[in-house]
Amino acid sequence: MTFIALVRHGETDWNLHGRLQGSSDIPLNRTGRAQAREAAHHFTDRNWDLLVSSPLSRASETADIIGEHIGLTRSATYDDLAERHFGEAEGMTDWEAYHEWPHGWYPGLEPRSSVAERGLRTLSALATDNPDSAIIVVTHGGVIRAIIDVVHTMRSPRILNAAVSTLSIDDDGWLVHSINGVDV
């Protein structure tokens, strides 16, 4: 069995102001760095074999902060772990985007199914390349939610900044253990 902890990056100023970040590379703010340090405490109860992240700075910095606290160096970034692209709505607040496109289909919006597909493809490759390992993957709320929605076959809640969700894969397939730190 390969055990995977999915961590959403810490807060950014765009999170604070309700802006759709998507694939824009917005850095962590002071609160986000503190959240990453707090998230590191979730990883002291077991040995971790691998730490990877999205290439976007808010995720890679969160991973590096966690790694510093648990003595593990981030070994790679994966483009397929980057956040969903929100098209023309990127940078807008939720309200601004809703006002412009009340149906929710922003021009250039990446389909949720595509986000889930690329996220699961990356996790499957990590599990195949690192069997029987414990892996920390720092990514984005949209990616985590899309993956969990497919694996758990039900709509998951909003993924919180620096929250840890866990799943595993073995010969029987994927199993979600927790979402936002709450057992399922």
N, C-alpha and C. Protein backbone atom coordinates (compact mmCIF):
# COMPACT_ATOMS: atom_id res chain seq x y z
N MET A 1 0.83 -1.18 0.00
CA MET A 1 0.00 0.00 0.00
C MET A 1 0.89 1.25 0.00
N THR A 2 0.52 2.21 -0.82
CA THR A 2 1.18 3.51 -0.82
C THR A 2 0.23 4.51 -0.17
N PHE A 3 0.73 5.24 0.81
CA PHE A 3 -0.06 6.20 1.56
C PHE A 3 0.32 7.60 1.09
N ILE A 4 -0.68 8.42 0.77
CA ILE A 4 -0.43 9.76 0.25
C ILE A 4 -1.17 10.79 1.08
N ALA A 5 -0.43 11.81 1.51
CA ALA A 5 -1.01 12.96 2.19
C ALA A 5 -1.05 14.11 1.19
N LEU A 6 -2.25 14.57 0.88
CA LEU A 6 -2.43 15.72 -0.01
C LEU A 6 -2.58 16.97 0.86
N VAL A 7 -1.73 17.95 0.63
CA VAL A 7 -1.74 19.18 1.42
C VAL A 7 -2.04 20.34 0.49
N ARG A 8 -3.03 21.14 0.88
CA ARG A 8 -3.25 22.38 0.12
C ARG A 8 -2.25 23.40 0.63
N HIS A 9 -1.74 24.21 -0.27
CA HIS A 9 -0.79 25.27 0.08
C HIS A 9 -1.39 26.22 1.12
N GLY A 10 -0.54 26.97 1.77
CA GLY A 10 -0.98 27.99 2.72
C GLY A 10 -1.61 29.19 2.01
N GLU A 11 -2.11 30.11 2.80
CA GLU A 11 -2.85 31.26 2.28
C GLU A 11 -1.96 32.22 1.48
N THR A 12 -2.58 32.82 0.47
CA THR A 12 -1.98 33.91 -0.31
C THR A 12 -2.86 35.14 -0.14
N ASP A 13 -2.38 36.29 -0.59
CA ASP A 13 -3.22 37.49 -0.53
C ASP A 13 -4.47 37.33 -1.40
N TRP A 14 -4.35 36.60 -2.51
CA TRP A 14 -5.52 36.38 -3.36
C TRP A 14 -6.54 35.49 -2.65
N ASN A 15 -6.08 34.48 -1.88
CA ASN A 15 -7.01 33.69 -1.07
C ASN A 15 -7.73 34.61 -0.09
N LEU A 16 -6.96 35.44 0.58
CA LEU A 16 -7.50 36.34 1.60
C LEU A 16 -8.60 37.23 1.04
N HIS A 17 -8.43 37.66 -0.20
CA HIS A 17 -9.40 38.57 -0.83
C HIS A 17 -10.40 37.87 -1.73
N GLY A 18 -10.41 36.53 -1.71
CA GLY A 18 -11.40 35.78 -2.47
C GLY A 18 -11.20 35.81 -3.97
N ARG A 19 -9.96 35.96 -4.42
CA ARG A 19 -9.68 35.98 -5.85
C ARG A 19 -9.40 34.57 -6.37
N LEU A 20 -9.82 34.31 -7.60
CA LEU A 20 -9.56 33.03 -8.26
C LEU A 20 -8.12 33.05 -8.76
N GLN A 21 -7.27 32.23 -8.13
CA GLN A 21 -5.84 32.23 -8.48
C GLN A 21 -5.54 31.36 -9.68
N GLY A 22 -6.11 30.16 -9.65
CA GLY A 22 -5.84 29.23 -10.74
C GLY A 22 -4.36 29.04 -10.97
N SER A 23 -3.95 29.15 -12.20
CA SER A 23 -2.56 28.90 -12.55
C SER A 23 -1.67 30.14 -12.41
N SER A 24 -2.23 31.26 -11.92
CA SER A 24 -1.40 32.44 -11.64
C SER A 24 -0.48 32.10 -10.47
N ASP A 25 0.75 32.52 -10.55
CA ASP A 25 1.74 32.17 -9.53
C ASP A 25 1.78 33.23 -8.44
N ILE A 26 0.87 33.11 -7.49
CA ILE A 26 0.74 34.06 -6.39
C ILE A 26 1.45 33.46 -5.17
N PRO A 27 2.36 34.21 -4.53
CA PRO A 27 3.13 33.65 -3.42
C PRO A 27 2.34 33.58 -2.11
N LEU A 28 2.86 32.81 -1.18
CA LEU A 28 2.29 32.75 0.16
C LEU A 28 2.41 34.12 0.83
N ASN A 29 1.47 34.41 1.72
CA ASN A 29 1.61 35.58 2.57
C ASN A 29 2.10 35.11 3.94
N ARG A 30 2.21 36.03 4.89
CA ARG A 30 2.71 35.68 6.23
C ARG A 30 1.84 34.61 6.89
N THR A 31 0.53 34.75 6.76
CA THR A 31 -0.39 33.76 7.33
C THR A 31 -0.16 32.40 6.68
N GLY A 32 0.03 32.37 5.37
CA GLY A 32 0.27 31.12 4.65
C GLY A 32 1.53 30.41 5.10
N ARG A 33 2.56 31.17 5.40
CA ARG A 33 3.80 30.56 5.90
C ARG A 33 3.57 29.97 7.30
N ALA A 34 2.82 30.68 8.13
CA ALA A 34 2.50 30.16 9.47
C ALA A 34 1.64 28.90 9.35
N GLN A 35 0.70 28.89 8.41
CA GLN A 35 -0.14 27.71 8.21
C GLN A 35 0.71 26.51 7.77
N ALA A 36 1.70 26.75 6.92
CA ALA A 36 2.58 25.67 6.47
C ALA A 36 3.38 25.11 7.65
N ARG A 37 3.86 25.98 8.53
CA ARG A 37 4.59 25.51 9.72
C ARG A 37 3.66 24.68 10.61
N GLU A 38 2.41 25.12 10.76
CA GLU A 38 1.43 24.38 11.57
C GLU A 38 1.11 23.04 10.91
N ALA A 39 0.98 23.01 9.60
CA ALA A 39 0.68 21.76 8.89
C ALA A 39 1.79 20.73 9.10
N ALA A 40 3.02 21.19 9.26
CA ALA A 40 4.15 20.28 9.45
C ALA A 40 3.95 19.38 10.67
N HIS A 41 3.22 19.85 11.66
CA HIS A 41 2.98 19.05 12.88
C HIS A 41 2.18 17.79 12.58
N HIS A 42 1.42 17.77 11.49
CA HIS A 42 0.64 16.59 11.10
C HIS A 42 1.53 15.44 10.62
N PHE A 43 2.78 15.73 10.35
CA PHE A 43 3.65 14.73 9.73
C PHE A 43 4.72 14.17 10.65
N THR A 44 4.60 14.44 11.93
CA THR A 44 5.62 13.97 12.87
C THR A 44 5.31 12.59 13.43
N ASP A 45 4.14 12.02 13.10
CA ASP A 45 3.73 10.74 13.68
C ASP A 45 4.19 9.53 12.88
N ARG A 46 4.84 9.74 11.75
CA ARG A 46 5.31 8.61 10.94
C ARG A 46 6.50 9.04 10.10
N ASN A 47 7.17 8.09 9.51
CA ASN A 47 8.28 8.39 8.61
C ASN A 47 7.72 8.62 7.21
N TRP A 48 8.21 9.64 6.56
CA TRP A 48 7.78 9.98 5.21
C TRP A 48 8.94 9.73 4.25
N ASP A 49 8.62 9.18 3.11
CA ASP A 49 9.64 8.80 2.14
C ASP A 49 9.89 9.82 1.05
N LEU A 50 8.87 10.63 0.75
CA LEU A 50 8.97 11.50 -0.42
C LEU A 50 8.12 12.74 -0.19
N LEU A 51 8.62 13.88 -0.66
CA LEU A 51 7.91 15.16 -0.59
C LEU A 51 7.99 15.80 -1.97
N VAL A 52 6.82 16.04 -2.59
CA VAL A 52 6.75 16.64 -3.92
C VAL A 52 5.69 17.74 -3.91
N SER A 53 5.67 18.54 -4.97
CA SER A 53 4.69 19.62 -5.03
C SER A 53 4.36 20.03 -6.45
N SER A 54 3.38 20.89 -6.53
CA SER A 54 3.08 21.65 -7.74
C SER A 54 4.25 22.60 -7.97
N PRO A 55 4.46 23.03 -9.22
CA PRO A 55 5.54 23.98 -9.48
C PRO A 55 5.20 25.42 -9.07
N LEU A 56 3.93 25.72 -8.78
CA LEU A 56 3.57 27.08 -8.41
C LEU A 56 4.17 27.41 -7.04
N SER A 57 4.67 28.62 -6.88
CA SER A 57 5.46 28.98 -5.69
C SER A 57 4.71 28.81 -4.39
N ARG A 58 3.40 29.04 -4.37
CA ARG A 58 2.66 28.89 -3.11
C ARG A 58 2.67 27.45 -2.62
N ALA A 59 2.68 26.49 -3.54
CA ALA A 59 2.74 25.08 -3.17
C ALA A 59 4.17 24.65 -2.87
N SER A 60 5.11 25.06 -3.70
CA SER A 60 6.50 24.62 -3.48
C SER A 60 7.06 25.22 -2.19
N GLU A 61 6.70 26.46 -1.87
CA GLU A 61 7.18 27.04 -0.62
C GLU A 61 6.53 26.35 0.58
N THR A 62 5.25 26.02 0.49
CA THR A 62 4.58 25.27 1.56
C THR A 62 5.31 23.94 1.77
N ALA A 63 5.61 23.25 0.67
CA ALA A 63 6.33 21.97 0.77
C ALA A 63 7.69 22.15 1.42
N ASP A 64 8.41 23.19 1.04
CA ASP A 64 9.74 23.41 1.60
C ASP A 64 9.67 23.71 3.10
N ILE A 65 8.66 24.46 3.52
CA ILE A 65 8.50 24.75 4.95
C ILE A 65 8.19 23.47 5.71
N ILE A 66 7.29 22.66 5.19
CA ILE A 66 6.97 21.37 5.83
C ILE A 66 8.22 20.50 5.88
N GLY A 67 8.92 20.41 4.76
CA GLY A 67 10.12 19.58 4.69
C GLY A 67 11.19 20.01 5.68
N GLU A 68 11.35 21.31 5.84
CA GLU A 68 12.34 21.83 6.79
C GLU A 68 12.01 21.36 8.21
N HIS A 69 10.75 21.32 8.55
CA HIS A 69 10.33 20.94 9.90
C HIS A 69 10.38 19.43 10.15
N ILE A 70 10.30 18.63 9.10
CA ILE A 70 10.30 17.18 9.30
C ILE A 70 11.57 16.51 8.77
N GLY A 71 12.49 17.32 8.26
CA GLY A 71 13.77 16.78 7.80
C GLY A 71 13.70 16.05 6.48
N LEU A 72 12.87 16.55 5.57
CA LEU A 72 12.72 15.93 4.25
C LEU A 72 12.80 17.00 3.18
N THR A 73 13.61 16.78 2.17
CA THR A 73 13.77 17.75 1.09
C THR A 73 12.79 17.44 -0.03
N ARG A 74 12.16 18.49 -0.55
CA ARG A 74 11.26 18.32 -1.70
C ARG A 74 12.10 17.82 -2.87
N SER A 75 11.68 16.69 -3.45
CA SER A 75 12.50 16.06 -4.48
C SER A 75 12.08 16.40 -5.90
N ALA A 76 10.83 16.88 -6.09
CA ALA A 76 10.39 17.16 -7.45
C ALA A 76 9.14 18.02 -7.44
N THR A 77 8.90 18.67 -8.58
CA THR A 77 7.63 19.34 -8.82
C THR A 77 7.01 18.70 -10.06
N TYR A 78 5.70 18.69 -10.11
CA TYR A 78 4.96 18.08 -11.22
C TYR A 78 3.97 19.09 -11.78
N ASP A 79 4.13 19.38 -13.06
CA ASP A 79 3.24 20.33 -13.72
C ASP A 79 1.78 19.93 -13.60
N ASP A 80 1.50 18.63 -13.61
CA ASP A 80 0.11 18.17 -13.54
C ASP A 80 -0.52 18.37 -12.17
N LEU A 81 0.25 18.83 -11.19
CA LEU A 81 -0.30 19.16 -9.88
C LEU A 81 -0.63 20.64 -9.74
N ALA A 82 -0.41 21.43 -10.81
CA ALA A 82 -0.75 22.85 -10.77
C ALA A 82 -2.27 23.02 -10.68
N GLU A 83 -2.68 24.15 -10.15
CA GLU A 83 -4.10 24.42 -9.96
C GLU A 83 -4.83 24.54 -11.29
N ARG A 84 -6.13 24.33 -11.22
CA ARG A 84 -7.04 24.47 -12.35
C ARG A 84 -6.92 25.88 -12.92
N HIS A 85 -6.92 25.98 -14.23
CA HIS A 85 -6.88 27.30 -14.88
C HIS A 85 -8.31 27.83 -14.98
N PHE A 86 -8.52 29.05 -14.50
CA PHE A 86 -9.86 29.64 -14.47
C PHE A 86 -10.15 30.53 -15.67
N GLY A 87 -9.29 30.50 -16.67
CA GLY A 87 -9.55 31.26 -17.89
C GLY A 87 -9.66 32.75 -17.62
N GLU A 88 -10.64 33.38 -18.25
CA GLU A 88 -10.80 34.83 -18.14
C GLU A 88 -11.19 35.28 -16.74
N ALA A 89 -11.65 34.38 -15.90
CA ALA A 89 -12.05 34.74 -14.53
C ALA A 89 -10.86 34.79 -13.58
N GLU A 90 -9.72 34.30 -14.00
CA GLU A 90 -8.55 34.28 -13.12
C GLU A 90 -8.20 35.70 -12.68
N GLY A 91 -8.05 35.87 -11.37
CA GLY A 91 -7.75 37.17 -10.79
C GLY A 91 -8.98 37.92 -10.30
N MET A 92 -10.15 37.48 -10.73
CA MET A 92 -11.40 38.09 -10.27
C MET A 92 -11.81 37.51 -8.92
N THR A 93 -12.63 38.24 -8.18
CA THR A 93 -13.23 37.66 -7.00
C THR A 93 -14.36 36.73 -7.44
N ASP A 94 -14.79 35.87 -6.52
CA ASP A 94 -15.92 34.98 -6.84
C ASP A 94 -17.12 35.78 -7.30
N TRP A 95 -17.39 36.89 -6.62
CA TRP A 95 -18.55 37.71 -6.96
C TRP A 95 -18.40 38.32 -8.35
N GLU A 96 -17.24 38.86 -8.66
CA GLU A 96 -17.02 39.45 -9.98
C GLU A 96 -17.22 38.41 -11.08
N ALA A 97 -16.68 37.23 -10.88
CA ALA A 97 -16.82 36.16 -11.87
C ALA A 97 -18.28 35.74 -12.00
N TYR A 98 -18.99 35.63 -10.88
CA TYR A 98 -20.40 35.25 -10.92
C TYR A 98 -21.22 36.32 -11.64
N HIS A 99 -20.91 37.58 -11.38
CA HIS A 99 -21.63 38.68 -12.03
C HIS A 99 -21.43 38.65 -13.55
N GLU A 100 -20.22 38.33 -13.97
CA GLU A 100 -19.90 38.28 -15.40
C GLU A 100 -20.43 37.02 -16.07
N TRP A 101 -20.31 35.88 -15.38
CA TRP A 101 -20.71 34.59 -15.94
C TRP A 101 -21.51 33.81 -14.88
N PRO A 102 -22.78 34.14 -14.66
CA PRO A 102 -23.56 33.52 -13.58
C PRO A 102 -23.72 32.00 -13.74
N HIS A 103 -23.53 31.49 -14.92
CA HIS A 103 -23.65 30.04 -15.14
C HIS A 103 -22.40 29.30 -14.68
N GLY A 104 -21.30 30.03 -14.38
CA GLY A 104 -20.09 29.42 -13.86
C GLY A 104 -19.11 28.91 -14.90
N TRP A 105 -19.44 29.00 -16.17
CA TRP A 105 -18.52 28.53 -17.21
C TRP A 105 -17.75 29.70 -17.78
N TYR A 106 -16.62 29.99 -17.16
CA TYR A 106 -15.79 31.11 -17.58
C TYR A 106 -15.08 30.75 -18.88
N PRO A 107 -14.98 31.68 -19.81
CA PRO A 107 -14.22 31.39 -21.03
C PRO A 107 -12.80 30.96 -20.69
N GLY A 108 -12.39 29.82 -21.22
CA GLY A 108 -11.05 29.30 -20.97
C GLY A 108 -10.93 28.46 -19.70
N LEU A 109 -12.03 28.21 -19.00
CA LEU A 109 -12.02 27.41 -17.78
C LEU A 109 -11.61 25.97 -18.08
N GLU A 110 -10.63 25.47 -17.34
CA GLU A 110 -10.22 24.07 -17.49
C GLU A 110 -11.29 23.17 -16.88
N PRO A 111 -11.75 22.17 -17.60
CA PRO A 111 -12.77 21.28 -17.05
C PRO A 111 -12.27 20.54 -15.80
N ARG A 112 -13.15 20.41 -14.82
CA ARG A 112 -12.82 19.71 -13.57
C ARG A 112 -12.34 18.28 -13.87
N SER A 113 -12.95 17.64 -14.88
CA SER A 113 -12.56 16.27 -15.22
C SER A 113 -11.10 16.21 -15.68
N SER A 114 -10.64 17.24 -16.35
CA SER A 114 -9.24 17.29 -16.79
C SER A 114 -8.30 17.44 -15.59
N VAL A 115 -8.72 18.26 -14.62
CA VAL A 115 -7.91 18.45 -13.41
C VAL A 115 -7.79 17.12 -12.66
N ALA A 116 -8.92 16.41 -12.51
CA ALA A 116 -8.92 15.11 -11.82
C ALA A 116 -8.05 14.11 -12.56
N GLU A 117 -8.16 14.08 -13.86
CA GLU A 117 -7.40 13.12 -14.67
C GLU A 117 -5.90 13.32 -14.51
N ARG A 118 -5.44 14.57 -14.64
CA ARG A 118 -4.00 14.81 -14.54
C ARG A 118 -3.50 14.63 -13.11
N GLY A 119 -4.32 14.99 -12.13
CA GLY A 119 -3.92 14.79 -10.73
C GLY A 119 -3.79 13.32 -10.39
N LEU A 120 -4.81 12.53 -10.77
CA LEU A 120 -4.76 11.09 -10.50
C LEU A 120 -3.64 10.39 -11.27
N ARG A 121 -3.39 10.86 -12.47
CA ARG A 121 -2.29 10.29 -13.27
C ARG A 121 -0.96 10.48 -12.52
N THR A 122 -0.76 11.66 -11.95
CA THR A 122 0.47 11.93 -11.22
C THR A 122 0.56 11.09 -9.95
N LEU A 123 -0.55 11.02 -9.19
CA LEU A 123 -0.53 10.21 -7.96
C LEU A 123 -0.31 8.74 -8.28
N SER A 124 -0.92 8.25 -9.34
CA SER A 124 -0.73 6.84 -9.74
C SER A 124 0.73 6.57 -10.11
N ALA A 125 1.33 7.50 -10.83
CA ALA A 125 2.74 7.34 -11.21
C ALA A 125 3.63 7.37 -9.97
N LEU A 126 3.34 8.26 -9.04
CA LEU A 126 4.12 8.31 -7.80
C LEU A 126 3.99 6.99 -7.03
N ALA A 127 2.77 6.45 -6.96
CA ALA A 127 2.55 5.19 -6.25
C ALA A 127 3.26 4.03 -6.95
N THR A 128 3.22 4.02 -8.27
CA THR A 128 3.89 2.95 -9.03
C THR A 128 5.41 3.02 -8.85
N ASP A 129 5.95 4.23 -8.90
CA ASP A 129 7.39 4.42 -8.77
C ASP A 129 7.90 4.28 -7.34
N ASN A 130 6.98 4.40 -6.36
CA ASN A 130 7.36 4.38 -4.94
C ASN A 130 6.42 3.47 -4.16
N PRO A 131 6.39 2.18 -4.50
CA PRO A 131 5.44 1.28 -3.83
C PRO A 131 5.74 1.19 -2.32
N ASP A 132 4.67 1.02 -1.56
CA ASP A 132 4.78 0.85 -0.10
C ASP A 132 5.48 2.03 0.56
N SER A 133 5.27 3.22 0.02
CA SER A 133 5.88 4.42 0.55
C SER A 133 4.82 5.35 1.16
N ALA A 134 5.31 6.31 1.93
CA ALA A 134 4.46 7.38 2.46
C ALA A 134 4.92 8.68 1.79
N ILE A 135 4.00 9.32 1.07
CA ILE A 135 4.35 10.45 0.21
C ILE A 135 3.52 11.67 0.59
N ILE A 136 4.17 12.81 0.72
CA ILE A 136 3.50 14.09 0.93
C ILE A 136 3.47 14.81 -0.40
N VAL A 137 2.26 15.21 -0.82
CA VAL A 137 2.07 15.92 -2.08
C VAL A 137 1.42 17.26 -1.77
N VAL A 138 2.14 18.35 -2.01
CA VAL A 138 1.59 19.69 -1.75
C VAL A 138 1.10 20.26 -3.07
N THR A 139 -0.18 20.58 -3.10
CA THR A 139 -0.82 21.02 -4.33
C THR A 139 -1.88 22.07 -4.00
N HIS A 140 -2.99 22.05 -4.70
CA HIS A 140 -3.99 23.11 -4.64
C HIS A 140 -5.37 22.54 -4.33
N GLY A 141 -6.22 23.40 -3.78
CA GLY A 141 -7.55 22.96 -3.38
C GLY A 141 -8.36 22.36 -4.51
N GLY A 142 -8.31 22.97 -5.68
CA GLY A 142 -9.07 22.45 -6.82
C GLY A 142 -8.59 21.08 -7.27
N VAL A 143 -7.28 20.87 -7.21
CA VAL A 143 -6.71 19.57 -7.60
C VAL A 143 -7.10 18.51 -6.58
N ILE A 144 -6.94 18.83 -5.30
CA ILE A 144 -7.27 17.87 -4.24
C ILE A 144 -8.75 17.50 -4.31
N ARG A 145 -9.58 18.50 -4.43
CA ARG A 145 -11.03 18.26 -4.47
C ARG A 145 -11.43 17.42 -5.68
N ALA A 146 -10.85 17.72 -6.83
CA ALA A 146 -11.16 16.95 -8.05
C ALA A 146 -10.75 15.49 -7.88
N ILE A 147 -9.58 15.25 -7.29
CA ILE A 147 -9.12 13.88 -7.07
C ILE A 147 -10.04 13.15 -6.10
N ILE A 148 -10.33 13.78 -4.97
CA ILE A 148 -11.18 13.14 -3.96
C ILE A 148 -12.57 12.88 -4.50
N ASP A 149 -13.11 13.81 -5.28
CA ASP A 149 -14.44 13.61 -5.84
C ASP A 149 -14.51 12.37 -6.73
N VAL A 150 -13.45 12.08 -7.45
CA VAL A 150 -13.41 10.90 -8.32
C VAL A 150 -13.18 9.64 -7.50
N VAL A 151 -12.22 9.68 -6.59
CA VAL A 151 -11.87 8.50 -5.80
C VAL A 151 -12.96 8.15 -4.80
N HIS A 152 -13.51 9.15 -4.15
CA HIS A 152 -14.51 8.95 -3.09
C HIS A 152 -15.93 8.89 -3.64
N THR A 153 -16.09 9.23 -4.91
CA THR A 153 -17.36 9.23 -5.65
C THR A 153 -18.46 10.03 -4.97
N MET A 154 -18.07 11.09 -4.32
CA MET A 154 -19.06 12.04 -3.79
C MET A 154 -18.40 13.41 -3.71
N ARG A 155 -19.21 14.43 -3.74
CA ARG A 155 -18.71 15.79 -3.71
C ARG A 155 -18.07 16.09 -2.36
N SER A 156 -16.82 16.50 -2.40
CA SER A 156 -16.11 16.81 -1.16
C SER A 156 -16.30 18.28 -0.79
N PRO A 157 -16.03 18.62 0.46
CA PRO A 157 -16.14 20.02 0.86
C PRO A 157 -15.00 20.84 0.29
N ARG A 158 -15.09 22.15 0.44
CA ARG A 158 -14.00 23.04 0.05
C ARG A 158 -12.75 22.61 0.82
N ILE A 159 -11.63 22.59 0.14
CA ILE A 159 -10.36 22.22 0.78
C ILE A 159 -9.74 23.48 1.38
N LEU A 160 -9.44 23.42 2.65
CA LEU A 160 -8.93 24.58 3.39
C LEU A 160 -7.43 24.77 3.19
N ASN A 161 -6.99 26.00 3.33
CA ASN A 161 -5.56 26.28 3.21
C ASN A 161 -4.77 25.49 4.25
N ALA A 162 -3.72 24.82 3.78
CA ALA A 162 -2.80 24.02 4.58
C ALA A 162 -3.45 22.80 5.23
N ALA A 163 -4.66 22.45 4.80
CA ALA A 163 -5.33 21.25 5.33
C ALA A 163 -4.71 20.00 4.72
N VAL A 164 -4.75 18.92 5.49
CA VAL A 164 -4.19 17.64 5.06
C VAL A 164 -5.33 16.66 4.82
N SER A 165 -5.36 16.09 3.63
CA SER A 165 -6.31 15.03 3.27
C SER A 165 -5.48 13.81 2.91
N THR A 166 -5.94 12.63 3.29
CA THR A 166 -5.12 11.43 3.08
C THR A 166 -5.87 10.37 2.29
N LEU A 167 -5.11 9.61 1.52
CA LEU A 167 -5.64 8.49 0.77
C LEU A 167 -4.55 7.46 0.58
N SER A 168 -4.94 6.29 0.15
CA SER A 168 -3.97 5.24 -0.12
C SER A 168 -4.41 4.48 -1.36
N ILE A 169 -3.45 3.75 -1.90
CA ILE A 169 -3.74 2.88 -3.04
C ILE A 169 -3.05 1.54 -2.80
N ASP A 170 -3.78 0.47 -3.07
CA ASP A 170 -3.23 -0.87 -3.02
C ASP A 170 -3.86 -1.66 -4.17
N ASP A 171 -3.77 -2.97 -4.13
CA ASP A 171 -4.30 -3.79 -5.22
C ASP A 171 -5.81 -3.64 -5.40
N ASP A 172 -6.51 -3.20 -4.36
CA ASP A 172 -7.95 -3.02 -4.43
C ASP A 172 -8.35 -1.64 -4.94
N GLY A 173 -7.39 -0.73 -5.12
CA GLY A 173 -7.68 0.61 -5.63
C GLY A 173 -7.46 1.69 -4.59
N TRP A 174 -8.04 2.85 -4.87
CA TRP A 174 -7.88 4.03 -4.02
C TRP A 174 -8.85 3.99 -2.85
N LEU A 175 -8.41 4.55 -1.72
CA LEU A 175 -9.26 4.68 -0.54
C LEU A 175 -8.96 6.03 0.11
N VAL A 176 -9.99 6.84 0.32
CA VAL A 176 -9.83 8.13 1.00
C VAL A 176 -9.96 7.87 2.50
N HIS A 177 -8.99 8.38 3.27
CA HIS A 177 -9.00 8.21 4.73
C HIS A 177 -9.49 9.46 5.45
N SER A 178 -9.11 10.64 4.94
CA SER A 178 -9.52 11.89 5.59
C SER A 178 -9.61 13.01 4.56
N ILE A 179 -10.44 14.00 4.88
CA ILE A 179 -10.57 15.20 4.07
C ILE A 179 -10.47 16.38 5.03
N ASN A 180 -9.56 17.31 4.75
CA ASN A 180 -9.34 18.46 5.64
C ASN A 180 -9.04 18.01 7.08
N GLY A 181 -8.35 16.89 7.22
CA GLY A 181 -7.99 16.39 8.54
C GLY A 181 -9.09 15.67 9.29
N VAL A 182 -10.24 15.49 8.67
CA VAL A 182 -11.37 14.80 9.30
C VAL A 182 -11.51 13.42 8.67
N ASP A 183 -11.52 12.39 9.51
CA ASP A 183 -11.66 11.02 9.01
C ASP A 183 -13.00 10.85 8.28
N VAL A 184 -12.96 10.06 7.19
CA VAL A 184 -14.20 9.77 6.45
C VAL A 184 -14.55 8.31 6.56
